[in-house]
């Protein structure tokens, strides 16, 4: 199996996990079992512990001091801003609104890549993102009502900040993935990130009444800490060693599709023409962004002999 195929399998699993994260995390947040910032501290702590264990067991690689400024910036956008604003936003808005806003991430990644790493914005990628966005938006919003009351608008803005932050993180962390093993990079990002979120969420974490947790809430917490934190960061990191950030981001459009498929398998949703059409649009979008762009042949000038 080629590295490219393995990268796409990893991204598919990430999309599957994140597809359920909106609803699973909201189980914990809605009933105030854990406040958003306390939940972020738990995520950062679990990521820190799990990635350190994995690094000590399998990698043991050192990082050059000159790369730590970039690691700190990645921790800001990939852990602190990204996670805090997502969970605070999810507390106030709906999973539908949050899912719709996250469809802006591939566009933001494409623009960020063009600005920061001078990646060429091809027509093929723009068409692919447009197809994926249309499919995802139709799938998320079809037959549902969006809500825009004052508190939810605040949540929507927070989710948008999260999307922008995540887009910047994907572009910046790609540079580190070309130099080090993914586990090494993510270990240090979580190590630095924990100190950024701890002052904001330690109070909320201390206030958690652990005895109030039932089996469903414990399973939801485990899902977020191991699935939506450790596994997603790890698999995204492995994928970023092989593909560029725009390919990683386009898989966000698969999240609502996979969530719909899970609902269909559980008998909680029905398959219709609109959903099939939306799925086709999403797959076309993912293919166009993932497939290499066809470059026109370069016109080579006539070679001249160099006299010695």
Protein backbone atom coordinates (compact mmCIF):
# COMPACT_ATOMS: atom_id res chain seq x y z
CA UNK A 1 0.00 0.00 0.00
CA UNK A 2 1.48 3.36 -1.03
CA UNK A 3 2.09 6.24 1.39
CA UNK A 4 -0.49 8.32 -0.46
CA UNK A 5 -3.22 5.70 0.02
CA UNK A 6 -2.32 5.34 3.71
CA UNK A 7 -2.55 9.12 4.11
CA UNK A 8 -6.05 9.19 2.63
CA UNK A 9 -7.17 6.29 4.84
CA UNK A 10 -5.87 8.22 7.87
CA UNK A 11 -7.78 11.34 6.80
CA UNK A 12 -10.95 9.30 6.27
CA UNK A 13 -10.70 7.97 9.85
CA UNK A 14 -10.14 11.53 11.13
CA UNK A 15 -13.27 12.71 9.30
CA UNK A 16 -15.23 9.80 10.77
CA UNK A 17 -14.13 10.63 14.32
CA UNK A 18 -14.74 14.37 13.94
CA UNK A 19 -18.11 13.68 12.31
CA UNK A 20 -19.36 12.35 15.62
CA UNK A 21 -17.47 14.80 17.82
CA UNK A 22 -19.96 17.67 17.43
CA UNK A 23 -22.78 15.68 18.98
CA UNK A 24 -20.72 13.61 21.44
CA UNK A 25 -18.93 16.62 22.95
CA UNK A 26 -22.22 18.49 23.21
CA UNK A 27 -23.60 15.71 25.47
CA UNK A 28 -21.00 16.69 28.05
CA UNK A 29 -21.23 20.46 27.53
CA UNK A 30 -25.02 20.85 27.39
CA UNK A 31 -25.64 19.32 30.80
CA UNK A 32 -22.68 21.21 32.33
CA UNK A 33 -20.80 18.09 33.36
CA UNK A 34 -17.62 19.90 32.30
CA UNK A 35 -17.30 23.55 31.31
CA UNK A 36 -15.66 24.18 27.89
CA UNK A 37 -12.31 25.46 29.16
CA UNK A 38 -12.06 22.65 31.70
CA UNK A 39 -12.67 20.17 28.88
CA UNK A 40 -9.84 21.77 26.88
CA UNK A 41 -7.41 21.30 29.77
CA UNK A 42 -8.43 17.62 29.90
CA UNK A 43 -7.81 17.29 26.15
CA UNK A 44 -4.42 18.98 26.38
CA UNK A 45 -3.39 16.85 29.37
CA UNK A 46 -4.47 13.61 27.70
CA UNK A 47 -2.65 14.57 24.49
CA UNK A 48 0.46 15.48 26.47
CA UNK A 49 0.55 12.17 28.37
CA UNK A 50 -0.31 9.92 25.39
CA UNK A 51 2.14 11.54 22.96
CA UNK A 52 4.97 11.52 25.51
CA UNK A 53 4.39 7.81 26.13
CA UNK A 54 4.31 7.09 22.38
CA UNK A 55 7.46 9.15 21.83
CA UNK A 56 9.41 7.46 24.63
CA UNK A 57 8.35 4.02 23.42
CA UNK A 58 8.85 4.36 19.67
CA UNK A 59 10.69 7.51 18.57
CA UNK A 60 13.11 9.25 20.99
CA UNK A 61 13.96 12.02 18.53
CA UNK A 62 15.39 15.42 19.48
CA UNK A 63 14.23 18.76 18.07
CA UNK A 64 16.58 21.54 16.95
CA UNK A 65 16.27 24.66 19.15
CA UNK A 66 15.76 26.85 16.09
CA UNK A 67 12.44 25.10 15.38
CA UNK A 68 10.86 25.81 18.78
CA UNK A 69 9.52 29.28 17.81
CA UNK A 70 7.50 27.60 15.04
CA UNK A 71 6.36 24.89 17.45
CA UNK A 72 5.15 27.60 19.86
CA UNK A 73 3.17 29.29 17.08
CA UNK A 74 1.66 25.91 16.11
CA UNK A 75 0.70 25.34 19.76
CA UNK A 76 -1.07 28.72 19.83
CA UNK A 77 -3.14 28.05 16.71
CA UNK A 78 -3.42 24.26 16.93
CA UNK A 79 -4.13 23.84 20.65
CA UNK A 80 -4.94 27.06 22.50
CA UNK A 81 -7.02 29.15 20.07
CA UNK A 82 -8.33 26.23 18.02
CA UNK A 83 -9.60 24.08 20.89
CA UNK A 84 -10.74 26.79 23.30
CA UNK A 85 -12.82 28.64 20.73
CA UNK A 86 -14.30 25.42 19.32
CA UNK A 87 -15.59 24.15 22.65
CA UNK A 88 -16.72 27.57 23.87
CA UNK A 89 -18.49 28.11 20.55
CA UNK A 90 -20.12 24.69 20.64
CA UNK A 91 -21.49 25.53 24.09
CA UNK A 92 -23.52 28.42 22.64
CA UNK A 93 -24.33 27.38 19.08
CA UNK A 94 -25.84 24.27 17.50
CA UNK A 95 -23.98 21.34 15.88
CA UNK A 96 -25.63 22.34 12.55
CA UNK A 97 -24.33 25.92 12.70
CA UNK A 98 -20.88 24.73 13.81
CA UNK A 99 -20.69 22.17 10.99
CA UNK A 100 -21.67 24.79 8.40
CA UNK A 101 -19.10 27.29 9.61
CA UNK A 102 -16.35 24.65 9.56
CA UNK A 103 -16.92 24.24 5.81
CA UNK A 104 -14.96 27.49 5.42
CA UNK A 105 -11.76 25.77 6.63
CA UNK A 106 -10.60 24.39 3.23
CA UNK A 107 -10.99 27.85 1.70
CA UNK A 108 -9.05 29.40 4.58
CA UNK A 109 -6.32 26.77 4.24
CA UNK A 110 -5.98 27.42 0.52
CA UNK A 111 -5.65 31.17 1.10
CA UNK A 112 -3.25 30.71 4.04
CA UNK A 113 -1.08 28.32 1.99
CA UNK A 114 -0.89 30.87 -0.80
CA UNK A 115 0.14 33.64 1.61
CA UNK A 116 2.51 31.78 3.93
CA UNK A 117 4.12 29.05 1.81
CA UNK A 118 3.35 30.51 -1.63
CA UNK A 119 1.38 27.43 -2.70
CA UNK A 120 -0.23 27.95 -6.09
CA UNK A 121 -4.02 28.24 -6.06
CA UNK A 122 -5.07 26.14 -9.03
CA UNK A 123 -8.43 26.26 -10.79
CA UNK A 124 -8.80 22.53 -10.11
CA UNK A 125 -8.48 23.06 -6.34
CA UNK A 126 -10.90 25.99 -6.36
CA UNK A 127 -13.49 23.94 -8.27
CA UNK A 128 -12.94 21.01 -5.91
CA UNK A 129 -13.45 23.16 -2.81
CA UNK A 130 -16.58 24.69 -4.38
CA UNK A 131 -18.05 21.24 -5.14
CA UNK A 132 -17.25 19.98 -1.65
CA UNK A 133 -18.65 23.09 0.04
CA UNK A 134 -21.92 22.93 -1.91
CA UNK A 135 -22.35 19.24 -1.08
CA UNK A 136 -21.56 19.71 2.61
CA UNK A 137 -23.78 22.78 3.02
CA UNK A 138 -26.73 21.08 1.32
CA UNK A 139 -26.27 17.93 3.39
CA UNK A 140 -25.99 19.81 6.69
CA UNK A 141 -28.80 22.31 6.15
CA UNK A 142 -31.37 20.27 4.16
CA UNK A 143 -34.60 19.96 6.12
CA UNK A 144 -33.15 21.70 9.18
CA UNK A 145 -33.56 25.18 10.56
CA UNK A 146 -30.60 27.38 11.34
CA UNK A 147 -30.80 29.49 14.46
CA UNK A 148 -29.35 32.96 14.77
CA UNK A 149 -30.33 34.31 18.19
CA UNK A 150 -27.88 36.52 20.06
CA UNK A 151 -26.18 33.81 22.12
CA UNK A 152 -25.78 31.54 19.10
CA UNK A 153 -24.23 34.31 17.02
CA UNK A 154 -21.55 34.59 19.71
CA UNK A 155 -21.00 30.84 19.41
CA UNK A 156 -20.87 31.07 15.61
CA UNK A 157 -18.17 33.76 15.78
CA UNK A 158 -16.13 31.54 18.11
CA UNK A 159 -16.43 28.58 15.73
CA UNK A 160 -15.30 30.83 12.85
CA UNK A 161 -12.22 31.88 14.87
CA UNK A 162 -11.57 28.20 15.49
CA UNK A 163 -11.81 27.47 11.76
CA UNK A 164 -9.36 30.26 10.91
CA UNK A 165 -6.95 29.08 13.62
CA UNK A 166 -7.13 25.45 12.47
CA UNK A 167 -6.44 26.51 8.88
CA UNK A 168 -3.32 28.42 9.92
CA UNK A 169 -2.17 25.48 12.07
CA UNK A 170 -2.43 22.97 9.20
CA UNK A 171 -0.29 25.13 6.95
CA UNK A 172 2.39 25.93 9.54
CA UNK A 173 2.73 22.45 11.04
CA UNK A 174 3.37 20.99 7.58
CA UNK A 175 6.85 22.57 7.68
CA UNK A 176 7.68 20.69 10.89
CA UNK A 177 6.35 17.39 9.52
CA UNK A 178 8.96 17.48 6.76
CA UNK A 179 11.76 17.65 9.35
CA UNK A 180 10.63 15.38 12.18
CA UNK A 181 8.51 12.36 12.99
CA UNK A 182 4.83 13.32 13.49
CA UNK A 183 4.77 12.04 17.08
CA UNK A 184 7.78 14.23 17.93
CA UNK A 185 6.08 17.33 16.55
CA UNK A 186 2.70 16.75 18.20
CA UNK A 187 4.34 15.82 21.52
CA UNK A 188 6.02 19.22 21.72
CA UNK A 189 2.94 21.08 20.49
CA UNK A 190 0.89 19.56 23.33
CA UNK A 191 3.71 20.12 25.83
CA UNK A 192 3.72 23.84 25.09
CA UNK A 193 -0.05 24.01 24.54
CA UNK A 194 -0.89 22.73 28.03
CA UNK A 195 0.76 25.81 29.59
CA UNK A 196 -1.33 28.07 27.34
CA UNK A 197 -4.73 26.58 28.24
CA UNK A 198 -4.10 25.65 31.89
CA UNK A 199 -4.53 29.20 33.32
CA UNK A 200 -7.89 29.55 31.53
CA UNK A 201 -9.39 26.17 32.40
CA UNK A 202 -7.90 24.98 35.69
CA UNK A 203 -10.75 26.56 37.67
CA UNK A 204 -13.39 24.81 35.56
CA UNK A 205 -11.53 21.50 35.91
CA UNK A 206 -11.41 21.79 39.71
CA UNK A 207 -15.17 22.41 39.77
CA UNK A 208 -16.05 19.15 37.95
CA UNK A 209 -18.25 16.81 39.99
CA UNK A 210 -16.86 13.47 38.84
CA UNK A 211 -19.41 11.47 40.83
CA UNK A 212 -22.22 12.93 38.68
CA UNK A 213 -20.88 11.21 35.57
CA UNK A 214 -22.95 8.30 34.26
CA UNK A 215 -21.71 5.65 31.83
CA UNK A 216 -22.79 7.64 28.75
CA UNK A 217 -20.90 10.75 29.88
CA UNK A 218 -17.75 8.77 30.67
CA UNK A 219 -17.86 7.16 27.21
CA UNK A 220 -18.35 10.61 25.63
CA UNK A 221 -15.34 11.98 27.54
CA UNK A 222 -13.17 9.01 26.50
CA UNK A 223 -14.29 9.48 22.88
CA UNK A 224 -13.18 13.13 22.95
CA UNK A 225 -9.90 12.57 24.80
CA UNK A 226 -8.65 9.51 22.91
CA UNK A 227 -10.55 9.64 19.61
CA UNK A 228 -11.05 13.34 18.86
CA UNK A 229 -7.74 14.41 20.42
CA UNK A 230 -4.99 11.77 20.38
CA UNK A 231 -6.00 9.80 17.27
CA UNK A 232 -7.08 12.76 15.13
CA UNK A 233 -3.94 14.81 15.81
CA UNK A 234 -1.78 11.73 15.23
CA UNK A 235 -3.45 10.67 11.97
CA UNK A 236 -3.56 14.24 10.63
CA UNK A 237 0.14 14.55 11.39
CA UNK A 238 0.99 11.35 9.53
CA UNK A 239 -1.09 12.50 6.55
CA UNK A 240 0.63 15.91 6.49
CA UNK A 241 3.98 14.20 5.90
CA UNK A 242 2.61 12.93 2.59
CA UNK A 243 -0.02 15.39 1.33
CA UNK A 244 -0.38 19.15 1.57
CA UNK A 245 -2.62 21.06 3.98
CA UNK A 246 -5.37 21.71 1.42
CA UNK A 247 -5.88 17.96 0.95
CA UNK A 248 -6.12 17.47 4.74
CA UNK A 249 -8.65 20.28 5.05
CA UNK A 250 -10.93 19.07 2.22
CA UNK A 251 -11.73 15.97 4.28
CA UNK A 252 -13.74 18.26 6.59
CA UNK A 253 -16.47 18.02 3.94
CA UNK A 254 -16.69 14.27 4.59
CA UNK A 255 -17.58 14.79 8.26
CA UNK A 256 -21.30 15.59 7.78
CA UNK A 257 -21.56 12.87 5.13
CA UNK A 258 -20.13 10.23 7.46
CA UNK A 259 -22.36 11.45 10.28
CA UNK A 260 -25.35 11.01 7.94
CA UNK A 261 -24.24 7.50 6.97
CA UNK A 262 -23.93 6.54 10.65
CA UNK A 263 -27.44 7.86 11.25
CA UNK A 264 -28.71 5.81 8.28
CA UNK A 265 -27.12 2.63 9.62
CA UNK A 266 -28.72 3.27 12.99
CA UNK A 267 -32.11 3.81 11.37
CA UNK A 268 -32.29 7.43 12.52
CA UNK A 269 -32.28 8.98 9.05
CA UNK A 270 -33.58 8.27 5.56
CA UNK A 271 -31.73 8.23 2.25
CA UNK A 272 -33.07 10.59 -0.40
CA UNK A 273 -32.11 12.12 -3.74
CA UNK A 274 -30.77 15.33 -2.17
CA UNK A 275 -28.43 13.42 0.15
CA UNK A 276 -27.15 11.23 -2.69
CA UNK A 277 -26.51 14.32 -4.83
CA UNK A 278 -24.75 16.07 -1.92
CA UNK A 279 -22.56 12.98 -1.41
CA UNK A 280 -21.59 12.97 -5.10
CA UNK A 281 -20.62 16.65 -4.89
CA UNK A 282 -18.48 16.01 -1.80
CA UNK A 283 -16.64 13.07 -3.36
CA UNK A 284 -16.01 15.06 -6.56
CA UNK A 285 -14.63 17.90 -4.42
CA UNK A 286 -12.33 15.60 -2.43
CA UNK A 287 -11.07 13.98 -5.64
CA UNK A 288 -10.33 17.29 -7.40
CA UNK A 289 -8.39 18.72 -4.45
CA UNK A 290 -6.51 15.44 -3.82
CA UNK A 291 -5.62 14.65 -7.44
CA UNK A 292 -2.42 16.22 -8.79
CA UNK A 293 -3.05 19.19 -11.05
CA UNK A 294 -2.19 18.75 -14.70
CA UNK A 295 0.66 21.07 -15.45
CA UNK A 296 1.15 22.30 -18.99
CA UNK A 297 4.45 21.18 -20.52
CA UNK A 298 7.24 23.67 -20.03
CA UNK A 299 8.68 25.21 -23.11
CA UNK A 300 12.34 24.40 -22.94
CA UNK A 301 14.67 26.72 -24.68
CA UNK A 302 17.24 25.42 -27.09
CA UNK A 303 20.36 24.27 -25.31
CA UNK A 304 23.58 26.04 -26.09
CA UNK A 305 26.99 24.51 -25.91
CA UNK A 306 29.23 26.06 -23.28
CA UNK A 307 32.75 26.62 -24.47
CA UNK A 308 35.53 26.05 -22.04
